[in-house]
Protein backbone atom coordinates (compact mmCIF):
# COMPACT_ATOMS: atom_id res chain seq x y z
CA MET A 1 -11.36 -27.47 3.20
CA ILE A 2 -12.21 -25.31 5.95
CA PHE A 3 -15.79 -24.81 7.46
CA PHE A 4 -16.76 -21.73 9.35
CA SER A 5 -19.92 -19.80 10.25
CA LEU A 6 -19.36 -16.76 8.30
CA SER A 7 -22.54 -15.78 6.06
CA LEU A 8 -21.92 -16.12 2.07
CA ASP A 9 -24.60 -13.60 1.75
CA PHE A 10 -22.35 -11.28 4.23
CA VAL A 11 -19.27 -11.49 2.39
CA GLU A 12 -21.16 -10.86 -0.98
CA GLN A 13 -22.64 -7.63 0.80
CA LEU A 14 -18.96 -6.86 2.08
CA VAL A 15 -17.58 -7.07 -1.54
CA THR A 16 -20.36 -5.34 -3.11
CA ALA A 17 -20.42 -2.55 -0.43
CA GLN A 18 -16.50 -2.22 -0.85
CA SER A 19 -16.77 -1.46 -4.51
CA ASP A 20 -19.90 0.93 -4.63
CA ARG A 21 -19.57 2.36 -1.26
CA SER A 22 -23.22 1.30 -0.37
CA GLU A 23 -24.34 0.42 3.40
CA ILE A 24 -23.98 -3.11 4.16
CA ASP A 25 -27.56 -4.20 5.09
CA LEU A 26 -26.80 -5.92 8.15
CA LYS A 27 -30.26 -7.45 8.61
CA ARG A 28 -30.11 -9.90 5.68
CA LEU A 29 -28.03 -12.55 7.15
CA ALA A 30 -28.15 -16.04 5.81
CA ASP A 31 -27.91 -18.85 8.50
CA LEU A 32 -26.23 -21.34 6.43
CA LYS A 33 -22.63 -22.40 6.56
CA PHE A 34 -20.67 -22.65 3.54
CA ILE A 35 -17.27 -24.03 2.37
CA LEU A 36 -14.43 -21.52 1.99
CA LYS A 37 -11.85 -23.75 0.24
CA ALA A 38 -8.26 -22.88 0.17
CA PRO A 39 -7.54 -22.64 -3.62
CA ASP A 40 -5.69 -25.33 -5.50
CA VAL A 41 -2.23 -24.17 -6.01
CA SER A 42 -0.76 -27.31 -7.88
CA CYS A 43 0.31 -25.17 -11.12
CA SER A 44 3.90 -24.31 -11.23
CA LEU A 45 3.67 -20.56 -11.87
CA VAL A 46 2.24 -18.29 -8.88
CA ASP A 47 1.12 -14.62 -8.64
CA ILE A 48 2.06 -12.80 -5.49
CA TYR A 49 -0.31 -9.95 -3.96
CA LEU A 50 1.23 -7.59 -1.66
CA ILE A 51 -1.36 -5.44 0.23
CA ASP A 52 -0.61 -1.79 1.63
CA GLY A 53 -2.87 -2.35 4.62
CA THR A 54 -2.38 1.02 5.82
CA TYR A 55 -3.38 2.82 2.58
CA GLU A 56 -6.55 0.31 2.31
CA LEU A 57 -7.70 1.16 6.15
CA PHE A 58 -7.57 5.04 5.69
CA ARG A 59 -9.17 4.35 2.32
CA HIS A 60 -12.05 2.54 3.45
CA TYR A 61 -12.29 4.62 6.69
CA TYR A 62 -13.24 7.79 4.70
CA ALA A 63 -15.27 5.61 2.08
CA MET A 64 -17.65 3.63 4.59
CA PRO A 65 -20.21 4.76 6.78
CA PRO A 66 -19.14 4.71 10.45
CA ALA A 67 -20.16 1.52 12.14
CA ARG A 68 -19.51 0.21 15.93
CA ASP A 69 -19.19 -3.14 17.40
CA SER A 70 -20.99 -4.45 20.48
CA SER A 71 -17.97 -3.19 22.52
CA GLY A 72 -18.47 0.55 20.86
CA ARG A 73 -15.63 0.03 18.91
CA GLU A 74 -15.39 1.96 15.53
CA VAL A 75 -14.64 -1.16 12.71
CA ALA A 76 -16.35 0.00 9.44
CA ALA A 77 -12.96 0.43 7.91
CA VAL A 78 -11.97 -3.04 9.16
CA ARG A 79 -14.99 -4.32 7.76
CA GLY A 80 -14.23 -2.54 4.29
CA VAL A 81 -10.61 -3.99 4.05
CA ILE A 82 -11.56 -7.53 5.12
CA ALA A 83 -14.12 -7.35 2.31
CA SER A 84 -11.46 -6.29 -0.20
CA VAL A 85 -9.29 -8.97 0.72
CA LEU A 86 -11.83 -11.58 0.47
CA GLY A 87 -12.75 -10.49 -2.81
CA MET A 88 -9.28 -10.86 -3.90
CA ILE A 89 -9.43 -14.58 -2.49
CA LYS A 90 -12.64 -14.87 -4.46
CA GLN A 91 -11.18 -14.02 -7.58
CA GLY A 92 -8.31 -16.36 -7.38
CA ALA A 93 -5.60 -14.65 -5.07
CA THR A 94 -3.42 -17.65 -3.63
CA HIS A 95 -0.53 -15.75 -2.30
CA ILE A 96 -0.95 -12.88 -0.26
CA GLY A 97 1.18 -10.56 2.13
CA PHE A 98 -0.27 -7.84 4.11
CA ALA A 99 1.55 -4.92 5.36
CA THR A 100 0.61 -2.35 8.20
CA ASP A 101 2.20 0.51 10.07
CA LYS A 102 1.91 -0.96 13.57
CA VAL A 103 3.12 2.85 14.52
CA ILE A 104 3.12 5.59 11.94
CA GLU A 105 6.57 6.77 12.88
CA SER A 106 9.61 4.91 11.77
CA PHE A 107 13.34 5.19 11.61
CA ARG A 108 13.05 8.14 8.99
CA ASN A 109 11.65 10.28 11.76
CA ASP A 110 15.25 10.45 13.05
CA LEU A 111 16.59 11.69 10.22
CA TRP A 112 14.21 14.19 9.00
CA PRO A 113 12.16 16.23 11.91
CA GLY A 114 9.16 17.11 9.20
CA TYR A 115 8.85 13.42 8.53
CA LYS A 116 5.04 12.15 8.58
CA THR A 117 3.79 11.31 12.11
CA GLY A 118 0.47 10.15 13.55
CA ALA A 119 -0.50 13.53 14.58
CA GLY A 120 -3.78 14.72 13.13
CA ILE A 121 -5.23 11.16 12.36
CA GLU A 122 -8.32 10.48 13.66
CA PRO A 123 -8.41 8.27 16.92
CA ASP A 124 -11.22 6.09 15.56
CA LEU A 125 -8.82 5.34 12.60
CA LEU A 126 -5.66 4.94 14.46
CA LYS A 127 -7.66 2.43 17.04
CA GLN A 128 -8.63 0.30 14.11
CA PHE A 129 -4.88 -0.92 13.31
CA PRO A 130 -4.84 -3.33 15.84
CA ILE A 131 -8.48 -4.52 15.22
CA LEU A 132 -7.40 -4.71 11.68
CA GLU A 133 -4.04 -6.57 12.13
CA GLU A 134 -5.87 -9.22 14.30
CA ALA A 135 -8.73 -9.91 11.80
CA ILE A 136 -6.22 -10.45 9.07
CA ALA A 137 -3.84 -12.71 11.00
CA ALA A 138 -7.26 -14.82 12.06
CA LEU A 139 -8.18 -14.83 8.13
CA GLY A 140 -4.97 -16.63 7.64
CA ILE A 141 -3.16 -13.98 5.68
CA THR A 142 0.66 -13.43 6.13
CA LEU A 143 0.86 -10.21 8.18
CA TRP A 144 3.51 -7.85 8.66
CA ALA A 145 2.86 -5.18 11.35
CA MET A 146 5.84 -2.78 10.94
CA VAL A 147 7.28 -0.81 13.99
CA GLU A 148 10.77 0.42 13.06
CA PHE A 149 10.15 0.40 9.30
CA GLU A 150 7.06 1.29 7.37
CA ALA A 151 4.48 -0.88 5.58
CA ASP A 152 5.92 0.32 2.33
CA ASP A 153 9.31 -0.80 3.30
CA ALA A 154 7.56 -3.98 3.77
CA LEU A 155 6.21 -4.33 0.32
CA ALA A 156 9.41 -3.46 -1.26
CA ALA A 157 11.27 -6.19 0.33
CA ALA A 158 8.50 -8.51 0.01
CA ALA A 159 8.62 -7.90 -3.68
CA ALA A 160 12.33 -8.33 -4.11
CA THR A 161 12.46 -11.55 -2.15
CA ALA A 162 9.58 -12.96 -4.19
CA ALA A 163 10.94 -11.78 -7.56
CA LYS A 164 14.07 -14.18 -6.61
CA ASP A 165 11.81 -17.07 -7.00
CA PRO A 166 11.48 -18.56 -10.40
CA ARG A 167 8.08 -19.87 -9.84
CA VAL A 168 6.63 -16.68 -9.47
CA ASP A 169 5.03 -15.30 -12.55
CA LYS A 170 3.65 -11.87 -11.49
CA ILE A 171 4.00 -9.79 -8.38
CA TYR A 172 1.28 -6.97 -7.54
CA ILE A 173 1.98 -4.37 -5.06
CA CYS A 174 -1.55 -3.24 -4.24
CA THR A 175 -1.27 0.37 -3.67
CA PRO A 176 -1.54 3.82 -5.67
CA ASP A 177 1.44 5.15 -3.47
CA LYS A 178 4.21 6.78 -5.78
CA ASP A 179 6.88 5.66 -3.38
CA LEU A 180 6.24 2.01 -4.69
CA ALA A 181 6.77 2.83 -7.99
CA GLN A 182 10.40 2.26 -7.53
CA CYS A 183 10.05 -1.36 -7.00
CA VAL A 184 8.29 -1.92 -10.49
CA SER A 185 10.43 -3.79 -13.03
CA GLY A 186 9.29 -4.61 -16.54
CA THR A 187 6.15 -6.38 -16.73
CA ARG A 188 6.73 -9.08 -13.77
CA ILE A 189 6.46 -6.39 -10.59
CA VAL A 190 3.62 -4.17 -11.05
CA GLN A 191 1.73 -1.74 -9.02
CA MET A 192 -1.89 -2.17 -8.77
CA ASN A 193 -4.53 0.37 -7.86
CA ARG A 194 -7.25 -1.63 -6.85
CA ARG A 195 -9.59 1.23 -6.44
CA ALA A 196 -8.89 2.71 -9.93
CA ARG A 197 -8.84 -1.12 -11.08
CA THR A 198 -5.57 -0.17 -12.98
CA THR A 199 -1.91 -1.83 -13.14
CA THR A 200 1.11 -0.06 -13.75
CA ASP A 201 4.34 -1.66 -15.28
CA GLU A 202 7.60 -0.22 -15.92
CA ALA A 203 6.69 1.66 -19.21
CA GLY A 204 3.34 3.17 -17.20
CA VAL A 205 5.90 4.57 -14.54
CA ILE A 206 8.06 6.03 -17.26
CA ALA A 207 4.87 7.26 -18.92
CA LYS A 208 3.50 8.70 -15.59
CA PHE A 209 6.73 10.29 -14.07
CA GLY A 210 8.99 10.97 -17.01
CA VAL A 211 11.44 8.50 -15.23
CA PRO A 212 12.24 4.78 -14.77
CA PRO A 213 11.79 3.18 -11.46
CA ALA A 214 15.36 3.32 -10.50
CA SER A 215 15.03 7.10 -10.52
CA ILE A 216 12.16 7.67 -8.54
CA PRO A 217 13.93 8.24 -5.28
CA ASP A 218 15.81 10.94 -7.02
CA TYR A 219 12.77 12.38 -8.35
CA LEU A 220 10.96 12.52 -5.00
CA ALA A 221 13.99 14.00 -3.59
CA LEU A 222 13.96 16.61 -6.11
CA VAL A 223 10.01 17.50 -6.14
CA GLY A 224 9.27 16.35 -2.46
CA ASP A 225 6.67 14.48 -0.79
CA THR A 226 4.19 16.36 1.05
CA ALA A 227 2.35 13.12 2.27
CA ASP A 228 5.65 11.97 3.56
CA GLY A 229 6.47 15.34 4.83
CA TYR A 230 9.79 16.47 3.18
CA PRO A 231 9.82 19.85 0.85
CA GLY A 232 11.83 18.45 -2.08
CA LEU A 233 14.17 21.49 -3.57
CA GLN A 234 12.67 24.88 -4.28
CA GLY A 235 12.10 25.31 -8.19
CA TRP A 236 12.19 21.79 -9.01
CA GLY A 237 8.72 20.95 -10.53
CA ALA A 238 7.74 17.78 -11.68
CA LYS A 239 8.35 18.61 -15.40
CA SER A 240 12.06 20.07 -15.12
CA THR A 241 12.89 17.13 -12.60
CA ALA A 242 11.67 14.35 -15.17
CA ALA A 243 13.66 15.95 -17.83
CA VAL A 244 17.08 16.55 -16.24
CA LEU A 245 16.59 12.74 -14.66
CA ALA A 246 15.50 11.17 -17.72
CA LYS A 247 18.76 11.92 -18.98
CA PHE A 248 21.26 11.57 -16.04
CA GLY A 249 19.14 9.22 -14.09
CA HIS A 250 20.69 9.81 -10.49
CA LEU A 251 21.43 13.10 -8.27
CA GLU A 252 25.06 12.59 -8.37
CA SER A 253 25.30 12.05 -12.16
CA ILE A 254 23.69 15.47 -12.94
CA PRO A 255 26.74 17.90 -14.14
CA HIS A 256 27.15 21.20 -12.04
CA ASP A 257 27.06 22.97 -14.96
CA TRP A 258 23.66 23.55 -16.27
CA GLN A 259 24.89 24.81 -19.63
CA THR A 260 26.17 20.94 -20.16
CA TRP A 261 22.13 19.52 -19.36
CA LYS A 262 21.19 20.26 -22.70
CA VAL A 263 17.47 19.37 -21.71
CA ASN A 264 13.95 21.33 -21.69
CA ALA A 265 14.06 22.29 -17.90
CA THR A 266 13.00 25.79 -17.12
CA GLY A 267 15.21 28.05 -15.26
CA ALA A 268 17.99 25.37 -15.45
CA SER A 269 20.67 28.11 -14.05
CA LYS A 270 18.62 28.36 -11.00
CA LEU A 271 17.77 24.73 -10.56
CA ALA A 272 21.59 23.98 -10.92
CA ALA A 273 22.40 26.50 -8.09
CA THR A 274 19.70 25.25 -6.09
CA LEU A 275 20.90 21.70 -6.13
CA ALA A 276 24.49 22.93 -5.51
CA ARG A 277 23.41 24.85 -2.69
CA GLU A 278 21.02 22.14 -1.00
CA ARG A 279 22.71 19.19 -2.29
CA GLU A 280 22.90 17.71 1.21
CA HIS A 281 19.27 18.00 1.70
CA ALA A 282 18.55 16.35 -1.75
CA PHE A 283 20.52 13.31 -0.87
CA LEU A 284 18.93 12.80 2.54
CA PHE A 285 15.34 13.30 0.94
CA ARG A 286 16.47 10.49 -1.62
CA THR A 287 17.41 8.64 1.52
CA LEU A 288 13.77 9.17 2.61
CA ALA A 289 12.40 8.27 -0.21
CA THR A 290 14.26 4.91 -0.87
CA LEU A 291 12.63 1.81 0.20
CA ARG A 292 14.44 -0.77 2.14
CA THR A 293 14.64 -4.24 0.32
CA ASP A 294 17.02 -5.66 2.74
CA ILE A 295 14.24 -6.54 5.44
CA HIS A 296 13.97 -10.08 6.25
CA LEU A 297 10.06 -11.22 5.94
CA PHE A 298 10.15 -14.69 4.65
CA ASP A 299 12.15 -17.32 3.40
CA SER A 300 9.76 -18.83 0.71
CA VAL A 301 6.85 -17.68 -1.30
CA ASP A 302 5.20 -20.61 0.20
CA GLU A 303 4.66 -19.13 3.50
CA LEU A 304 2.65 -16.44 1.53
CA GLU A 305 0.13 -19.20 0.24
CA TRP A 306 -3.21 -18.83 1.86
CA LYS A 307 -4.49 -21.92 3.46
CA GLY A 308 -7.71 -20.58 4.64
CA PRO A 309 -8.83 -18.97 8.05
CA THR A 310 -7.71 -19.79 11.49
CA PRO A 311 -10.63 -20.78 13.89
CA ALA A 312 -10.45 -17.61 15.57
CA PHE A 313 -11.85 -16.05 12.46
CA GLU A 314 -15.31 -16.99 12.95
CA GLU A 315 -15.55 -15.01 16.31
CA ILE A 316 -14.12 -12.03 14.79
CA GLY A 317 -16.35 -12.38 11.68
CA THR A 318 -19.37 -12.52 13.42
CA ARG A 319 -18.54 -9.52 15.76
CA ILE A 320 -17.60 -7.44 12.62
CA ASN A 321 -20.85 -8.72 10.91
CA ALA A 322 -22.87 -7.55 13.62
CA ALA A 323 -21.38 -3.92 13.68
CA VAL A 324 -24.17 -1.66 13.46
CA SER A 325 -23.76 1.03 10.75
CA SER A 326 -24.74 5.07 11.37
CA ASP A 327 -26.85 6.94 9.21
CA LYS A 328 -24.24 9.67 8.56
CA GLY A 329 -22.58 8.03 5.30
CA PRO A 330 -19.18 8.26 4.51
CA ARG A 331 -16.83 10.79 5.93
CA GLY A 332 -15.50 11.81 2.49
CA PRO A 333 -12.04 12.40 0.68
CA ARG A 334 -8.68 12.16 2.60
CA PRO A 335 -6.31 9.48 1.37
CA ALA A 336 -2.77 10.08 0.25
CA VAL A 337 -1.21 8.09 3.24
């Protein structure tokens, strides 16, 4: 059992505010101490929750009213993410991994000059990354702050590693990012969109994209990914791409002669000509879209078990708790990280 002075009322406010975007009433704080007990994981099978911290920080930055701590630092998004994670724990999550992009750039920027960078990201948002990482670590959650690779790579690698353990019943990759659809497997590894409260298994990926998870990198290579900064191939839209890949699976398996395709793809002759002309780009874009699963993050899923917050979380929680919200209201849309 771990005792710490974080108001239960505050946690309830955080979780409620995270779900309905209402402003947290910082004046209603109880003085009582409460017990936050690490869950009992004596059962043989466990579920793994892998959280896209970068997406969560972006989402909460645009969904929550601004709030600054006593040092003048913007922390509203951090507060929202911490609330979200506490909510998962309260609902029974026992094994959690949390990935962030410590820097937005990665090895992919060396492969394609147009790949996404930190340019254009609001300073108040960027400055919250180290604050969030400090808070998550203090909360006792396993943190992967990525530098050479991306948070998406960490989630993919973590899912692949966890899937090897027979004690793991289900793996939830908590992000709506379409890149992660390639990691979905059957009903055991699924994507969870916590905002929409939906989960997507392999059948769901096929229903959404028209191709199985293994073909998602090929799919993205052809249609492009504006969020990540690569354009795909001209003319290759979602429907035609799905029709071709549903039959052939991967780029290298698509015949040069479009007349042998025999699929419902508009302008098949032009698509084939474009693919032949831009073949090198197509394979490069597939490399950009393919998540790395060869990164060593942990040896055993036991390392992901949450055992409660560290002593440092009391001070951090109190500081975040005391942050004063502005009257401006939420900033508005953005996500799509």
